[in-house]
């Protein structure tokens, strides 16, 4: 564990000192943070709808269980009952 801490500290100081000594270091960091914000916040809001919107907690847990195990939770359910259209998962 001590080797990991030393390596992580060395990597951190390498990047910190490298960005500190660059003339474009601070604008580059802000550009990277802006890009990450755009990727995760803006694109998600406008392009990706929530997969299980409109389902109750019980329905959500059943859908997640079915997706993880690959089998229907209740006996007698057909493949039509498990289609993505049923759960608005497209």
PDB file of N, CA and C in Angstrom:
ATOM      1  N   UNK A   1       0.824  -1.185   0.000  1.00  0.00           N
ATOM      2  CA  UNK A   1       0.000   0.000   0.000  1.00  0.00           C
ATOM      3  C   UNK A   1       0.868   1.249   0.000  1.00  0.00           C
ATOM      4  N   UNK A   2       2.034   1.164   0.631  1.00  0.00           N
ATOM      5  CA  UNK A   2       2.921   2.317   0.685  1.00  0.00           C
ATOM      6  C   UNK A   2       3.453   2.644  -0.714  1.00  0.00           C
ATOM      7  N   UNK A   3       3.701   1.626  -1.519  1.00  0.00           N
ATOM      8  CA  UNK A   3       4.177   1.836  -2.882  1.00  0.00           C
ATOM      9  C   UNK A   3       3.131   2.544  -3.741  1.00  0.00           C
ATOM     10  N   UNK A   4       1.861   2.186  -3.525  1.00  0.00           N
ATOM     11  CA  UNK A   4       0.785   2.830  -4.276  1.00  0.00           C
ATOM     12  C   UNK A   4       0.671   4.300  -3.905  1.00  0.00           C
ATOM     13  N   UNK A   5       0.741   4.604  -2.620  1.00  0.00           N
ATOM     14  CA  UNK A   5       0.653   5.994  -2.170  1.00  0.00           C
ATOM     15  C   UNK A   5       1.807   6.813  -2.719  1.00  0.00           C
ATOM     16  N   UNK A   6       2.987   6.226  -2.716  1.00  0.00           N
ATOM     17  CA  UNK A   6       4.154   6.937  -3.250  1.00  0.00           C
ATOM     18  C   UNK A   6       3.998   7.190  -4.746  1.00  0.00           C
ATOM     19  N   UNK A   7       3.534   6.177  -5.483  1.00  0.00           N
ATOM     20  CA  UNK A   7       3.348   6.319  -6.925  1.00  0.00           C
ATOM     21  C   UNK A   7       2.258   7.337  -7.238  1.00  0.00           C
ATOM     22  N   UNK A   8       1.146   7.276  -6.516  1.00  0.00           N
ATOM     23  CA  UNK A   8       0.051   8.224  -6.736  1.00  0.00           C
ATOM     24  C   UNK A   8       0.517   9.650  -6.427  1.00  0.00           C
ATOM     25  N   UNK A   9       1.289   9.815  -5.353  1.00  0.00           N
ATOM     26  CA  UNK A   9       1.810  11.136  -5.017  1.00  0.00           C
ATOM     27  C   UNK A   9       2.787  11.644  -6.062  1.00  0.00           C
ATOM     28  N   UNK A  10       3.607  10.750  -6.605  1.00  0.00           N
ATOM     29  CA  UNK A  10       4.564  11.149  -7.640  1.00  0.00           C
ATOM     30  C   UNK A  10       3.842  11.556  -8.917  1.00  0.00           C
ATOM     31  N   UNK A  11       2.805  10.819  -9.284  1.00  0.00           N
ATOM     32  CA  UNK A  11       2.034  11.154 -10.489  1.00  0.00           C
ATOM     33  C   UNK A  11       1.329  12.491 -10.296  1.00  0.00           C
ATOM     34  N   UNK A  12       0.719  12.688  -9.122  1.00  0.00           N
ATOM     35  CA  UNK A  12       0.036  13.947  -8.843  1.00  0.00           C
ATOM     36  C   UNK A  12       1.005  15.125  -8.912  1.00  0.00           C
ATOM     37  N   UNK A  13       2.154  15.007  -8.288  1.00  0.00           N
ATOM     38  CA  UNK A  13       3.109  16.122  -8.311  1.00  0.00           C
ATOM     39  C   UNK A  13       3.668  16.351  -9.712  1.00  0.00           C
ATOM     40  N   UNK A  14       3.817  15.303 -10.494  1.00  0.00           N
ATOM     41  CA  UNK A  14       4.268  15.442 -11.872  1.00  0.00           C
ATOM     42  C   UNK A  14       3.292  16.298 -12.678  1.00  0.00           C
ATOM     43  N   UNK A  15       1.998  15.970 -12.609  1.00  0.00           N
ATOM     44  CA  UNK A  15       1.000  16.740 -13.344  1.00  0.00           C
ATOM     45  C   UNK A  15       0.837  18.150 -12.779  1.00  0.00           C
ATOM     46  N   UNK A  16       0.834  18.267 -11.459  1.00  0.00           N
ATOM     47  CA  UNK A  16       0.684  19.583 -10.830  1.00  0.00           C
ATOM     48  C   UNK A  16       1.816  20.509 -11.229  1.00  0.00           C
ATOM     49  N   UNK A  17       3.039  20.047 -11.131  1.00  0.00           N
ATOM     50  CA  UNK A  17       4.187  20.875 -11.502  1.00  0.00           C
ATOM     51  C   UNK A  17       4.229  21.141 -12.999  1.00  0.00           C
ATOM     52  N   UNK A  18       3.815  20.158 -13.785  1.00  0.00           N
ATOM     53  CA  UNK A  18       3.807  20.350 -15.224  1.00  0.00           C
ATOM     54  C   UNK A  18       2.820  21.420 -15.644  1.00  0.00           C
ATOM     55  N   UNK A  19       1.606  21.395 -15.105  1.00  0.00           N
ATOM     56  CA  UNK A  19       0.624  22.416 -15.445  1.00  0.00           C
ATOM     57  C   UNK A  19       1.004  23.773 -14.861  1.00  0.00           C
ATOM     58  N   UNK A  20       1.643  23.768 -13.726  1.00  0.00           N
ATOM     59  CA  UNK A  20       2.036  25.029 -13.090  1.00  0.00           C
ATOM     60  C   UNK A  20       3.108  25.744 -13.906  1.00  0.00           C
ATOM     61  N   UNK A  21       4.009  24.985 -14.513  1.00  0.00           N
ATOM     62  CA  UNK A  21       5.104  25.589 -15.262  1.00  0.00           C
ATOM     63  C   UNK A  21       4.747  25.891 -16.720  1.00  0.00           C
ATOM     64  N   UNK A  22       3.599  25.469 -17.178  1.00  0.00           N
ATOM     65  CA  UNK A  22       3.194  25.742 -18.546  1.00  0.00           C
ATOM     66  C   UNK A  22       2.612  27.149 -18.653  1.00  0.00           C
ATOM     67  N   UNK A  23       2.823  27.785 -19.806  1.00  0.00           N
ATOM     68  CA  UNK A  23       2.217  29.096 -19.997  1.00  0.00           C
ATOM     69  C   UNK A  23       0.725  28.971 -20.254  1.00  0.00           C
ATOM     70  N   UNK A  24       0.294  27.866 -20.813  1.00  0.00           N
ATOM     71  CA  UNK A  24      -1.111  27.641 -21.095  1.00  0.00           C
ATOM     72  C   UNK A  24      -1.739  26.662 -20.108  1.00  0.00           C
ATOM     73  N   UNK A  25      -1.115  26.440 -18.969  1.00  0.00           N
ATOM     74  CA  UNK A  25      -1.587  25.433 -18.017  1.00  0.00           C
ATOM     75  C   UNK A  25      -2.984  25.685 -17.491  1.00  0.00           C
ATOM     76  N   UNK A  26      -3.233  26.885 -16.966  1.00  0.00           N
ATOM     77  CA  UNK A  26      -4.551  27.180 -16.392  1.00  0.00           C
ATOM     78  C   UNK A  26      -5.657  27.198 -17.446  1.00  0.00           C
ATOM     79  N   UNK A  27      -5.460  27.872 -18.584  1.00  0.00           N
ATOM     80  CA  UNK A  27      -6.530  27.807 -19.598  1.00  0.00           C
ATOM     81  C   UNK A  27      -6.790  26.382 -20.091  1.00  0.00           C
ATOM     82  N   UNK A  28      -5.752  25.569 -20.141  1.00  0.00           N
ATOM     83  CA  UNK A  28      -5.925  24.191 -20.571  1.00  0.00           C
ATOM     84  C   UNK A  28      -6.772  23.401 -19.573  1.00  0.00           C
ATOM     85  N   UNK A  29      -6.527  23.609 -18.290  1.00  0.00           N
ATOM     86  CA  UNK A  29      -7.325  22.928 -17.261  1.00  0.00           C
ATOM     87  C   UNK A  29      -8.779  23.371 -17.359  1.00  0.00           C
ATOM     88  N   UNK A  30      -9.018  24.665 -17.539  1.00  0.00           N
ATOM     89  CA  UNK A  30     -10.396  25.152 -17.660  1.00  0.00           C
ATOM     90  C   UNK A  30     -11.063  24.597 -18.911  1.00  0.00           C
ATOM     91  N   UNK A  31     -10.314  24.471 -19.978  1.00  0.00           N
ATOM     92  CA  UNK A  31     -10.856  23.897 -21.207  1.00  0.00           C
ATOM     93  C   UNK A  31     -11.236  22.431 -20.999  1.00  0.00           C
ATOM     94  N   UNK A  32     -10.409  21.693 -20.299  1.00  0.00           N
ATOM     95  CA  UNK A  32     -10.698  20.285 -20.002  1.00  0.00           C
ATOM     96  C   UNK A  32     -11.940  20.176 -19.125  1.00  0.00           C
ATOM     97  N   UNK A  33     -12.050  21.015 -18.094  1.00  0.00           N
ATOM     98  CA  UNK A  33     -13.218  20.981 -17.214  1.00  0.00           C
ATOM     99  C   UNK A  33     -14.490  21.371 -17.961  1.00  0.00           C
ATOM    100  N   UNK A  34     -14.404  22.353 -18.854  1.00  0.00           N
ATOM    101  CA  UNK A  34     -15.558  22.736 -19.664  1.00  0.00           C
ATOM    102  C   UNK A  34     -15.995  21.587 -20.564  1.00  0.00           C
ATOM    103  N   UNK A  35     -15.040  20.911 -21.160  1.00  0.00           N
ATOM    104  CA  UNK A  35     -15.346  19.772 -22.031  1.00  0.00           C
ATOM    105  C   UNK A  35     -16.022  18.649 -21.245  1.00  0.00           C
ATOM    106  N   UNK A  36     -15.537  18.349 -20.070  1.00  0.00           N
ATOM    107  CA  UNK A  36     -16.145  17.308 -19.241  1.00  0.00           C
ATOM    108  C   UNK A  36     -17.557  17.718 -18.841  1.00  0.00           C
ATOM    109  N   UNK A  37     -17.741  18.988 -18.486  1.00  0.00           N
ATOM    110  CA  UNK A  37     -19.075  19.477 -18.137  1.00  0.00           C
ATOM    111  C   UNK A  37     -20.025  19.319 -19.320  1.00  0.00           C
ATOM    112  N   UNK A  38     -19.593  19.686 -20.501  1.00  0.00           N
ATOM    113  CA  UNK A  38     -20.441  19.569 -21.683  1.00  0.00           C
ATOM    114  C   UNK A  38     -20.781  18.113 -21.955  1.00  0.00           C
ATOM    115  N   UNK A  39     -19.800  17.239 -21.855  1.00  0.00           N
ATOM    116  CA  UNK A  39     -20.048  15.827 -22.127  1.00  0.00           C
ATOM    117  C   UNK A  39     -21.060  15.213 -21.164  1.00  0.00           C
ATOM    118  N   UNK A  40     -20.904  15.497 -19.881  1.00  0.00           N
ATOM    119  CA  UNK A  40     -21.733  14.812 -18.901  1.00  0.00           C
ATOM    120  C   UNK A  40     -23.019  15.536 -18.565  1.00  0.00           C
ATOM    121  N   UNK A  41     -23.038  16.838 -18.584  1.00  0.00           N
ATOM    122  CA  UNK A  41     -24.236  17.567 -18.176  1.00  0.00           C
ATOM    123  C   UNK A  41     -25.119  17.936 -19.361  1.00  0.00           C
ATOM    124  N   UNK A  42     -24.584  18.638 -20.296  1.00  0.00           N
ATOM    125  CA  UNK A  42     -25.395  19.158 -21.385  1.00  0.00           C
ATOM    126  C   UNK A  42     -25.885  18.052 -22.302  1.00  0.00           C
ATOM    127  N   UNK A  43     -25.005  17.165 -22.727  1.00  0.00           N
ATOM    128  CA  UNK A  43     -25.415  16.097 -23.623  1.00  0.00           C
ATOM    129  C   UNK A  43     -26.436  15.169 -22.979  1.00  0.00           C
ATOM    130  N   UNK A  44     -26.288  14.905 -21.699  1.00  0.00           N
ATOM    131  CA  UNK A  44     -27.233  14.027 -21.018  1.00  0.00           C
ATOM    132  C   UNK A  44     -28.608  14.660 -20.957  1.00  0.00           C
ATOM    133  N   UNK A  45     -28.674  15.934 -20.675  1.00  0.00           N
ATOM    134  CA  UNK A  45     -29.961  16.609 -20.548  1.00  0.00           C
ATOM    135  C   UNK A  45     -30.696  16.642 -21.884  1.00  0.00           C
ATOM    136  N   UNK A  46     -29.983  16.935 -22.957  1.00  0.00           N
ATOM    137  CA  UNK A  46     -30.657  17.147 -24.227  1.00  0.00           C
ATOM    138  C   UNK A  46     -30.762  15.915 -25.125  1.00  0.00           C
ATOM    139  N   UNK A  47     -29.885  14.939 -24.968  1.00  0.00           N
ATOM    140  CA  UNK A  47     -29.866  13.833 -25.903  1.00  0.00           C
ATOM    141  C   UNK A  47     -30.209  12.473 -25.310  1.00  0.00           C
ATOM    142  N   UNK A  48     -30.064  12.287 -24.023  1.00  0.00           N
ATOM    143  CA  UNK A  48     -30.304  10.976 -23.425  1.00  0.00           C
ATOM    144  C   UNK A  48     -31.436  11.061 -22.426  1.00  0.00           C
ATOM    145  N   UNK A  49     -32.540  10.379 -22.742  1.00  0.00           N
ATOM    146  CA  UNK A  49     -33.655  10.371 -21.806  1.00  0.00           C
ATOM    147  C   UNK A  49     -33.415   9.290 -20.754  1.00  0.00           C
ATOM    148  N   UNK A  50     -33.977   9.450 -19.579  1.00  0.00           N
ATOM    149  CA  UNK A  50     -33.836   8.415 -18.552  1.00  0.00           C
ATOM    150  C   UNK A  50     -34.450   7.101 -19.035  1.00  0.00           C
ATOM    151  N   UNK A  51     -33.759   6.020 -18.830  1.00  0.00           N
ATOM    152  CA  UNK A  51     -34.161   4.730 -19.382  1.00  0.00           C
ATOM    153  C   UNK A  51     -35.451   4.204 -18.761  1.00  0.00           C
ATOM    154  N   UNK A  52     -35.674   4.454 -17.497  1.00  0.00           N
ATOM    155  CA  UNK A  52     -36.851   3.892 -16.841  1.00  0.00           C
ATOM    156  C   UNK A  52     -37.768   4.986 -16.312  1.00  0.00           C
ATOM    157  N   UNK A  53     -37.906   6.067 -17.066  1.00  0.00           N
ATOM    158  CA  UNK A  53     -38.784   7.155 -16.659  1.00  0.00           C
ATOM    159  C   UNK A  53     -40.228   6.668 -16.647  1.00  0.00           C
ATOM    160  N   UNK A  54     -40.949   7.059 -15.632  1.00  0.00           N
ATOM    161  CA  UNK A  54     -42.362   6.704 -15.551  1.00  0.00           C
ATOM    162  C   UNK A  54     -42.653   5.381 -14.873  1.00  0.00           C
ATOM    163  N   UNK A  55     -41.641   4.654 -14.465  1.00  0.00           N
ATOM    164  CA  UNK A  55     -41.873   3.378 -13.782  1.00  0.00           C
ATOM    165  C   UNK A  55     -41.825   3.589 -12.279  1.00  0.00           C
ATOM    166  N   UNK A  56     -42.600   2.807 -11.557  1.00  0.00           N
ATOM    167  CA  UNK A  56     -42.557   2.867 -10.101  1.00  0.00           C
ATOM    168  C   UNK A  56     -41.277   2.175  -9.610  1.00  0.00           C
ATOM    169  N   UNK A  57     -40.991   2.339  -8.338  1.00  0.00           N
ATOM    170  CA  UNK A  57     -39.785   1.713  -7.766  1.00  0.00           C
ATOM    171  C   UNK A  57     -39.850   0.191  -7.884  1.00  0.00           C
ATOM    172  N   UNK A  58     -41.030  -0.369  -7.695  1.00  0.00           N
ATOM    173  CA  UNK A  58     -41.181  -1.822  -7.792  1.00  0.00           C
ATOM    174  C   UNK A  58     -40.920  -2.300  -9.224  1.00  0.00           C
ATOM    175  N   UNK A  59     -41.442  -1.579 -10.201  1.00  0.00           N
ATOM    176  CA  UNK A  59     -41.223  -1.942 -11.598  1.00  0.00           C
ATOM    177  C   UNK A  59     -39.756  -1.778 -11.978  1.00  0.00           C
ATOM    178  N   UNK A  60     -39.131  -0.730 -11.477  1.00  0.00           N
ATOM    179  CA  UNK A  60     -37.704  -0.504 -11.766  1.00  0.00           C
ATOM    180  C   UNK A  60     -36.857  -1.650 -11.226  1.00  0.00           C
ATOM    181  N   UNK A  61     -37.121  -2.049  -9.988  1.00  0.00           N
ATOM    182  CA  UNK A  61     -36.317  -3.130  -9.406  1.00  0.00           C
ATOM    183  C   UNK A  61     -36.536  -4.435 -10.170  1.00  0.00           C
ATOM    184  N   UNK A  62     -37.762  -4.684 -10.638  1.00  0.00           N
ATOM    185  CA  UNK A  62     -38.033  -5.890 -11.412  1.00  0.00           C
ATOM    186  C   UNK A  62     -37.300  -5.854 -12.751  1.00  0.00           C
ATOM    187  N   UNK A  63     -37.326  -4.708 -13.417  1.00  0.00           N
ATOM    188  CA  UNK A  63     -36.653  -4.581 -14.710  1.00  0.00           C
ATOM    189  C   UNK A  63     -35.145  -4.772 -14.550  1.00  0.00           C
ATOM    190  N   UNK A  64     -34.564  -4.160 -13.517  1.00  0.00           N
ATOM    191  CA  UNK A  64     -33.123  -4.305 -13.286  1.00  0.00           C
ATOM    192  C   UNK A  64     -32.778  -5.757 -13.000  1.00  0.00           C
ATOM    193  N   UNK A  65     -33.584  -6.430 -12.186  1.00  0.00           N
ATOM    194  CA  UNK A  65     -33.343  -7.838 -11.898  1.00  0.00           C
ATOM    195  C   UNK A  65     -33.415  -8.699 -13.143  1.00  0.00           C
ATOM    196  N   UNK A  66     -34.390  -8.415 -13.998  1.00  0.00           N
ATOM    197  CA  UNK A  66     -34.518  -9.178 -15.242  1.00  0.00           C
ATOM    198  C   UNK A  66     -33.332  -8.937 -16.161  1.00  0.00           C
ATOM    199  N   UNK A  67     -32.896  -7.708 -16.237  1.00  0.00           N
ATOM    200  CA  UNK A  67     -31.758  -7.391 -17.111  1.00  0.00           C
ATOM    201  C   UNK A  67     -30.460  -8.023 -16.600  1.00  0.00           C
ATOM    202  N   UNK A  68     -30.284  -8.079 -15.290  1.00  0.00           N
ATOM    203  CA  UNK A  68     -29.065  -8.662 -14.727  1.00  0.00           C
ATOM    204  C   UNK A  68     -29.029 -10.177 -14.884  1.00  0.00           C
ATOM    205  N   UNK A  69     -30.159 -10.809 -14.642  1.00  0.00           N
ATOM    206  CA  UNK A  69     -30.170 -12.272 -14.693  1.00  0.00           C
ATOM    207  C   UNK A  69     -30.523 -12.808 -16.065  1.00  0.00           C
ATOM    208  N   UNK A  70     -31.216 -12.020 -16.875  1.00  0.00           N
ATOM    209  CA  UNK A  70     -31.610 -12.467 -18.201  1.00  0.00           C
ATOM    210  C   UNK A  70     -32.826 -13.364 -18.197  1.00  0.00           C
ATOM    211  N   UNK A  71     -33.479 -13.485 -17.050  1.00  0.00           N
ATOM    212  CA  UNK A  71     -34.676 -14.308 -16.963  1.00  0.00           C
ATOM    213  C   UNK A  71     -35.828 -13.466 -16.426  1.00  0.00           C
ATOM    214  N   UNK A  72     -37.066 -13.799 -16.816  1.00  0.00           N
ATOM    215  CA  UNK A  72     -38.224 -13.084 -16.270  1.00  0.00           C
ATOM    216  C   UNK A  72     -38.357 -13.329 -14.770  1.00  0.00           C
ATOM    217  N   UNK A  73     -38.780 -12.311 -14.041  1.00  0.00           N
ATOM    218  CA  UNK A  73     -38.903 -12.441 -12.592  1.00  0.00           C
ATOM    219  C   UNK A  73     -40.084 -13.314 -12.203  1.00  0.00           C
ATOM    220  N   UNK A  74     -41.190 -13.206 -12.924  1.00  0.00           N
ATOM    221  CA  UNK A  74     -42.379 -13.993 -12.593  1.00  0.00           C
ATOM    222  C   UNK A  74     -42.554 -15.108 -13.624  1.00  0.00           C
ATOM    223  N   UNK A  75     -43.028 -16.258 -13.169  1.00  0.00           N
ATOM    224  CA  UNK A  75     -43.246 -17.383 -14.077  1.00  0.00           C
ATOM    225  C   UNK A  75     -44.413 -17.063 -15.002  1.00  0.00           C
ATOM    226  N   UNK A  76     -44.322 -17.513 -16.243  1.00  0.00           N
ATOM    227  CA  UNK A  76     -45.405 -17.323 -17.181  1.00  0.00           C
ATOM    228  C   UNK A  76     -45.313 -16.048 -18.006  1.00  0.00           C
ATOM    229  N   UNK A  77     -44.323 -15.195 -17.768  1.00  0.00           N
ATOM    230  CA  UNK A  77     -44.181 -13.985 -18.567  1.00  0.00           C
ATOM    231  C   UNK A  77     -43.610 -14.343 -19.926  1.00  0.00           C
ATOM    232  N   UNK A  78     -44.092 -13.706 -20.947  1.00  0.00           N
ATOM    233  CA  UNK A  78     -43.617 -13.973 -22.298  1.00  0.00           C
ATOM    234  C   UNK A  78     -42.566 -12.956 -22.686  1.00  0.00           C
ATOM    235  N   UNK A  79     -41.910 -13.217 -23.818  1.00  0.00           N
ATOM    236  CA  UNK A  79     -40.918 -12.274 -24.306  1.00  0.00           C
ATOM    237  C   UNK A  79     -41.552 -10.954 -24.696  1.00  0.00           C
ATOM    238  N   UNK A  80     -42.816 -10.970 -25.124  1.00  0.00           N
ATOM    239  CA  UNK A  80     -43.499  -9.731 -25.485  1.00  0.00           C
ATOM    240  C   UNK A  80     -43.658  -8.834 -24.267  1.00  0.00           C
ATOM    241  N   UNK A  81     -43.846  -9.443 -23.100  1.00  0.00           N
ATOM    242  CA  UNK A  81     -43.985  -8.652 -21.877  1.00  0.00           C
ATOM    243  C   UNK A  81     -42.661  -8.021 -21.484  1.00  0.00           C
ATOM    244  N   UNK A  82     -41.550  -8.569 -21.966  1.00  0.00           N
ATOM    245  CA  UNK A  82     -40.234  -8.056 -21.597  1.00  0.00           C
ATOM    246  C   UNK A  82     -39.613  -7.197 -22.685  1.00  0.00           C
ATOM    247  N   UNK A  83     -40.367  -6.830 -23.679  1.00  0.00           N
ATOM    248  CA  UNK A  83     -39.799  -6.053 -24.777  1.00  0.00           C
ATOM    249  C   UNK A  83     -39.432  -4.652 -24.303  1.00  0.00           C
ATOM    250  N   UNK A  84     -38.479  -3.995 -24.960  1.00  0.00           N
ATOM    251  CA  UNK A  84     -38.089  -2.640 -24.566  1.00  0.00           C
ATOM    252  C   UNK A  84     -39.240  -1.644 -24.645  1.00  0.00           C
ATOM    253  N   UNK A  85     -40.193  -1.869 -25.558  1.00  0.00           N
ATOM    254  CA  UNK A  85     -41.321  -0.958 -25.666  1.00  0.00           C
ATOM    255  C   UNK A  85     -42.179  -0.978 -24.411  1.00  0.00           C
ATOM    256  N   UNK A  86     -42.227  -2.125 -23.740  1.00  0.00           N
ATOM    257  CA  UNK A  86     -43.013  -2.237 -22.525  1.00  0.00           C
ATOM    258  C   UNK A  86     -42.494  -1.303 -21.448  1.00  0.00           C
ATOM    259  N   UNK A  87     -41.193  -1.146 -21.368  1.00  0.00           N
ATOM    260  CA  UNK A  87     -40.574  -0.349 -20.317  1.00  0.00           C
ATOM    261  C   UNK A  87     -40.034   0.981 -20.837  1.00  0.00           C
ATOM    262  N   UNK A  88     -40.328   1.340 -22.058  1.00  0.00           N
ATOM    263  CA  UNK A  88     -39.795   2.569 -22.675  1.00  0.00           C
ATOM    264  C   UNK A  88     -38.284   2.572 -22.682  1.00  0.00           C
ATOM    265  N   UNK A  89     -37.683   1.408 -22.901  1.00  0.00           N
ATOM    266  CA  UNK A  89     -36.224   1.276 -22.916  1.00  0.00           C
ATOM    267  C   UNK A  89     -35.781   1.069 -24.354  1.00  0.00           C
ATOM    268  N   UNK A  90     -35.483   2.125 -25.040  1.00  0.00           N
ATOM    269  CA  UNK A  90     -35.091   2.005 -26.447  1.00  0.00           C
ATOM    270  C   UNK A  90     -33.726   2.592 -26.668  1.00  0.00           C
TER     271      UNK A  90
END
